[in-house]
Structures are given as C-alpha cells and as structure tokens.
Amino acid sequence: MVTCRYFKPLDKWQSIKAIRSRIRTYAWMSARSHAHHLIHYATDASI
C-alpha cells in the first residue's frame, strides 16, 4: 500500500492518466467483445 506522502502532484496526475487510459482500453475491449458476440448471434440466427 502506497501512502500519500510519497505522491508528488506529477506522479498523481500521471497515475490518474494511466487509470483513465486503462479504463478506456477496458471499455473498448469489452464493447468490441460484445459486438463480436452480437455479430455471431446475428449470423447464427440468419443461417
């Protein structure tokens, strides 16, 4: 567990940016996997 006294403002900002980019990447990957399932379901239903 990292205590707050080790945080410099720049480190905190960089960590916030890293968390935001990680959330964006995770959201994009999950959305892409959902679209993949929907495409498979649509193609299976049409056949």
PDB file of N, CA and C in Angstrom:
ATOM      1  N   MET A   1       0.846  -1.193   0.000  1.00  0.00           N
ATOM      2  CA  MET A   1       0.000   0.000   0.000  1.00  0.00           C
ATOM      3  C   MET A   1       0.882   1.244   0.000  1.00  0.00           C
ATOM      4  N   VAL A   2       0.676   2.115  -0.945  1.00  0.00           N
ATOM      5  CA  VAL A   2       1.491   3.326  -1.049  1.00  0.00           C
ATOM      6  C   VAL A   2       0.803   4.442  -0.275  1.00  0.00           C
ATOM      7  N   THR A   3       1.564   5.099   0.592  1.00  0.00           N
ATOM      8  CA  THR A   3       0.995   6.200   1.363  1.00  0.00           C
ATOM      9  C   THR A   3       1.051   7.489   0.565  1.00  0.00           C
ATOM     10  N   CYS A   4       0.239   8.462   0.952  1.00  0.00           N
ATOM     11  CA  CYS A   4       0.099   9.697   0.179  1.00  0.00           C
ATOM     12  C   CYS A   4       1.352  10.570   0.213  1.00  0.00           C
ATOM     13  N   ARG A   5       2.190  10.423   1.238  1.00  0.00           N
ATOM     14  CA  ARG A   5       3.350  11.300   1.326  1.00  0.00           C
ATOM     15  C   ARG A   5       4.370  10.998   0.237  1.00  0.00           C
ATOM     16  N   TYR A   6       4.315   9.821  -0.361  1.00  0.00           N
ATOM     17  CA  TYR A   6       5.229   9.513  -1.465  1.00  0.00           C
ATOM     18  C   TYR A   6       4.760  10.102  -2.788  1.00  0.00           C
ATOM     19  N   PHE A   7       3.514  10.560  -2.828  1.00  0.00           N
ATOM     20  CA  PHE A   7       2.969  11.097  -4.077  1.00  0.00           C
ATOM     21  C   PHE A   7       3.404  12.530  -4.299  1.00  0.00           C
ATOM     22  N   LYS A   8       4.008  12.781  -5.448  1.00  0.00           N
ATOM     23  CA  LYS A   8       4.190  14.144  -5.913  1.00  0.00           C
ATOM     24  C   LYS A   8       3.009  14.451  -6.828  1.00  0.00           C
ATOM     25  N   PRO A   9       2.643  15.713  -7.007  1.00  0.00           N
ATOM     26  CA  PRO A   9       1.486  16.037  -7.859  1.00  0.00           C
ATOM     27  C   PRO A   9       1.606  15.468  -9.272  1.00  0.00           C
ATOM     28  N   LEU A  10       2.823  15.505  -9.831  1.00  0.00           N
ATOM     29  CA  LEU A  10       3.019  14.975 -11.181  1.00  0.00           C
ATOM     30  C   LEU A  10       2.778  13.476 -11.212  1.00  0.00           C
ATOM     31  N   ASP A  11       3.253  12.768 -10.188  1.00  0.00           N
ATOM     32  CA  ASP A  11       3.032  11.326 -10.124  1.00  0.00           C
ATOM     33  C   ASP A  11       1.544  11.021 -10.005  1.00  0.00           C
ATOM     34  N   LYS A  12       0.839  11.816  -9.212  1.00  0.00           N
ATOM     35  CA  LYS A  12      -0.602  11.600  -9.061  1.00  0.00           C
ATOM     36  C   LYS A  12      -1.308  11.834 -10.389  1.00  0.00           C
ATOM     37  N   TRP A  13      -0.910  12.900 -11.099  1.00  0.00           N
ATOM     38  CA  TRP A  13      -1.527  13.196 -12.394  1.00  0.00           C
ATOM     39  C   TRP A  13      -1.227  12.083 -13.395  1.00  0.00           C
ATOM     40  N   GLN A  14      -0.003  11.585 -13.394  1.00  0.00           N
ATOM     41  CA  GLN A  14       0.349  10.502 -14.310  1.00  0.00           C
ATOM     42  C   GLN A  14      -0.423   9.237 -13.976  1.00  0.00           C
ATOM     43  N   SER A  15      -0.621   8.981 -12.688  1.00  0.00           N
ATOM     44  CA  SER A  15      -1.371   7.781 -12.313  1.00  0.00           C
ATOM     45  C   SER A  15      -2.834   7.925 -12.702  1.00  0.00           C
ATOM     46  N   ILE A  16      -3.385   9.145 -12.576  1.00  0.00           N
ATOM     47  CA  ILE A  16      -4.775   9.382 -12.994  1.00  0.00           C
ATOM     48  C   ILE A  16      -4.902   9.163 -14.500  1.00  0.00           C
ATOM     49  N   LYS A  17      -3.938   9.685 -15.253  1.00  0.00           N
ATOM     50  CA  LYS A  17      -3.965   9.486 -16.709  1.00  0.00           C
ATOM     51  C   LYS A  17      -3.865   8.007 -17.052  1.00  0.00           C
ATOM     52  N   ALA A  18      -3.013   7.270 -16.328  1.00  0.00           N
ATOM     53  CA  ALA A  18      -2.847   5.841 -16.594  1.00  0.00           C
ATOM     54  C   ALA A  18      -4.134   5.091 -16.293  1.00  0.00           C
ATOM     55  N   ILE A  19      -4.791   5.442 -15.189  1.00  0.00           N
ATOM     56  CA  ILE A  19      -6.043   4.777 -14.834  1.00  0.00           C
ATOM     57  C   ILE A  19      -7.117   5.085 -15.876  1.00  0.00           C
ATOM     58  N   ARG A  20      -7.164   6.340 -16.321  1.00  0.00           N
ATOM     59  CA  ARG A  20      -8.162   6.715 -17.330  1.00  0.00           C
ATOM     60  C   ARG A  20      -7.937   5.955 -18.635  1.00  0.00           C
ATOM     61  N   SER A  21      -6.686   5.865 -19.063  1.00  0.00           N
ATOM     62  CA  SER A  21      -6.398   5.150 -20.313  1.00  0.00           C
ATOM     63  C   SER A  21      -6.700   3.667 -20.157  1.00  0.00           C
ATOM     64  N   ARG A  22      -6.454   3.121 -18.956  1.00  0.00           N
ATOM     65  CA  ARG A  22      -6.748   1.704 -18.710  1.00  0.00           C
ATOM     66  C   ARG A  22      -8.252   1.460 -18.754  1.00  0.00           C
ATOM     67  N   ILE A  23      -9.029   2.379 -18.163  1.00  0.00           N
ATOM     68  CA  ILE A  23     -10.489   2.236 -18.187  1.00  0.00           C
ATOM     69  C   ILE A  23     -10.996   2.345 -19.618  1.00  0.00           C
ATOM     70  N   ARG A  24     -10.426   3.292 -20.389  1.00  0.00           N
ATOM     71  CA  ARG A  24     -10.865   3.466 -21.778  1.00  0.00           C
ATOM     72  C   ARG A  24     -10.552   2.218 -22.591  1.00  0.00           C
ATOM     73  N   THR A  25      -9.356   1.658 -22.387  1.00  0.00           N
ATOM     74  CA  THR A  25      -8.971   0.439 -23.102  1.00  0.00           C
ATOM     75  C   THR A  25      -9.885  -0.716 -22.720  1.00  0.00           C
ATOM     76  N   TYR A  26     -10.178  -0.844 -21.419  1.00  0.00           N
ATOM     77  CA  TYR A  26     -11.048  -1.932 -20.961  1.00  0.00           C
ATOM     78  C   TYR A  26     -12.454  -1.776 -21.522  1.00  0.00           C
ATOM     79  N   ALA A  27     -12.965  -0.552 -21.531  1.00  0.00           N
ATOM     80  CA  ALA A  27     -14.303  -0.309 -22.061  1.00  0.00           C
ATOM     81  C   ALA A  27     -14.353  -0.627 -23.555  1.00  0.00           C
ATOM     82  N   TRP A  28     -13.280  -0.241 -24.293  1.00  0.00           N
ATOM     83  CA  TRP A  28     -13.248  -0.505 -25.726  1.00  0.00           C
ATOM     84  C   TRP A  28     -13.177  -1.996 -25.997  1.00  0.00           C
ATOM     85  N   MET A  29     -12.364  -2.715 -25.222  1.00  0.00           N
ATOM     86  CA  MET A  29     -12.247  -4.156 -25.413  1.00  0.00           C
ATOM     87  C   MET A  29     -13.560  -4.857 -25.093  1.00  0.00           C
ATOM     88  N   SER A  30     -14.228  -4.450 -24.019  1.00  0.00           N
ATOM     89  CA  SER A  30     -15.492  -5.095 -23.651  1.00  0.00           C
ATOM     90  C   SER A  30     -16.560  -4.783 -24.688  1.00  0.00           C
ATOM     91  N   ALA A  31     -16.578  -3.552 -25.189  1.00  0.00           N
ATOM     92  CA  ALA A  31     -17.553  -3.200 -26.217  1.00  0.00           C
ATOM     93  C   ALA A  31     -17.298  -3.994 -27.495  1.00  0.00           C
ATOM     94  N   ARG A  32     -16.017  -4.169 -27.827  1.00  0.00           N
ATOM     95  CA  ARG A  32     -15.680  -4.921 -29.031  1.00  0.00           C
ATOM     96  C   ARG A  32     -16.082  -6.391 -28.864  1.00  0.00           C
ATOM     97  N   SER A  33     -15.892  -6.948 -27.677  1.00  0.00           N
ATOM     98  CA  SER A  33     -16.271  -8.347 -27.465  1.00  0.00           C
ATOM     99  C   SER A  33     -17.793  -8.498 -27.514  1.00  0.00           C
ATOM    100  N   HIS A  34     -18.514  -7.496 -26.985  1.00  0.00           N
ATOM    101  CA  HIS A  34     -19.979  -7.548 -27.068  1.00  0.00           C
ATOM    102  C   HIS A  34     -20.431  -7.494 -28.521  1.00  0.00           C
ATOM    103  N   ALA A  35     -19.815  -6.623 -29.305  1.00  0.00           N
ATOM    104  CA  ALA A  35     -20.155  -6.531 -30.730  1.00  0.00           C
ATOM    105  C   ALA A  35     -19.843  -7.849 -31.428  1.00  0.00           C
ATOM    106  N   HIS A  36     -18.750  -8.485 -31.056  1.00  0.00           N
ATOM    107  CA  HIS A  36     -18.361  -9.766 -31.638  1.00  0.00           C
ATOM    108  C   HIS A  36     -19.433 -10.819 -31.349  1.00  0.00           C
ATOM    109  N   HIS A  37     -19.917 -10.861 -30.105  1.00  0.00           N
ATOM    110  CA  HIS A  37     -20.964 -11.818 -29.755  1.00  0.00           C
ATOM    111  C   HIS A  37     -22.250 -11.524 -30.519  1.00  0.00           C
ATOM    112  N   LEU A  38     -22.583 -10.240 -30.652  1.00  0.00           N
ATOM    113  CA  LEU A  38     -23.806  -9.872 -31.372  1.00  0.00           C
ATOM    114  C   LEU A  38     -23.704 -10.269 -32.840  1.00  0.00           C
ATOM    115  N   ILE A  39     -22.524 -10.061 -33.431  1.00  0.00           N
ATOM    116  CA  ILE A  39     -22.333 -10.438 -34.838  1.00  0.00           C
ATOM    117  C   ILE A  39     -22.471 -11.958 -34.990  1.00  0.00           C
ATOM    118  N   HIS A  40     -21.885 -12.712 -34.093  1.00  0.00           N
ATOM    119  CA  HIS A  40     -22.014 -14.168 -34.158  1.00  0.00           C
ATOM    120  C   HIS A  40     -23.469 -14.596 -33.981  1.00  0.00           C
ATOM    121  N   TYR A  41     -24.161 -13.955 -33.061  1.00  0.00           N
ATOM    122  CA  TYR A  41     -25.559 -14.297 -32.812  1.00  0.00           C
ATOM    123  C   TYR A  41     -26.403 -13.974 -34.032  1.00  0.00           C
ATOM    124  N   ALA A  42     -26.130 -12.823 -34.666  1.00  0.00           N
ATOM    125  CA  ALA A  42     -26.895 -12.416 -35.847  1.00  0.00           C
ATOM    126  C   ALA A  42     -26.645 -13.384 -37.005  1.00  0.00           C
ATOM    127  N   THR A  43     -25.381 -13.760 -37.200  1.00  0.00           N
ATOM    128  CA  THR A  43     -25.070 -14.672 -38.308  1.00  0.00           C
ATOM    129  C   THR A  43     -25.626 -16.075 -38.033  1.00  0.00           C
ATOM    130  N   ASP A  44     -25.601 -16.502 -36.774  1.00  0.00           N
ATOM    131  CA  ASP A  44     -26.175 -17.808 -36.440  1.00  0.00           C
ATOM    132  C   ASP A  44     -27.683 -17.793 -36.628  1.00  0.00           C
ATOM    133  N   ALA A  45     -28.316 -16.676 -36.308  1.00  0.00           N
ATOM    134  CA  ALA A  45     -29.777 -16.598 -36.427  1.00  0.00           C
ATOM    135  C   ALA A  45     -30.190 -16.547 -37.894  1.00  0.00           C
ATOM    136  N   SER A  46     -29.361 -15.927 -38.735  1.00  0.00           N
ATOM    137  CA  SER A  46     -29.741 -15.792 -40.145  1.00  0.00           C
ATOM    138  C   SER A  46     -29.563 -17.110 -40.904  1.00  0.00           C
ATOM    139  N   ILE A  47     -28.716 -17.993 -40.389  1.00  0.00           N
ATOM    140  CA  ILE A  47     -28.473 -19.265 -41.075  1.00  0.00           C
ATOM    141  C   ILE A  47     -29.515 -20.312 -40.754  1.00  0.00           C
TER     142      ILE A  47
END
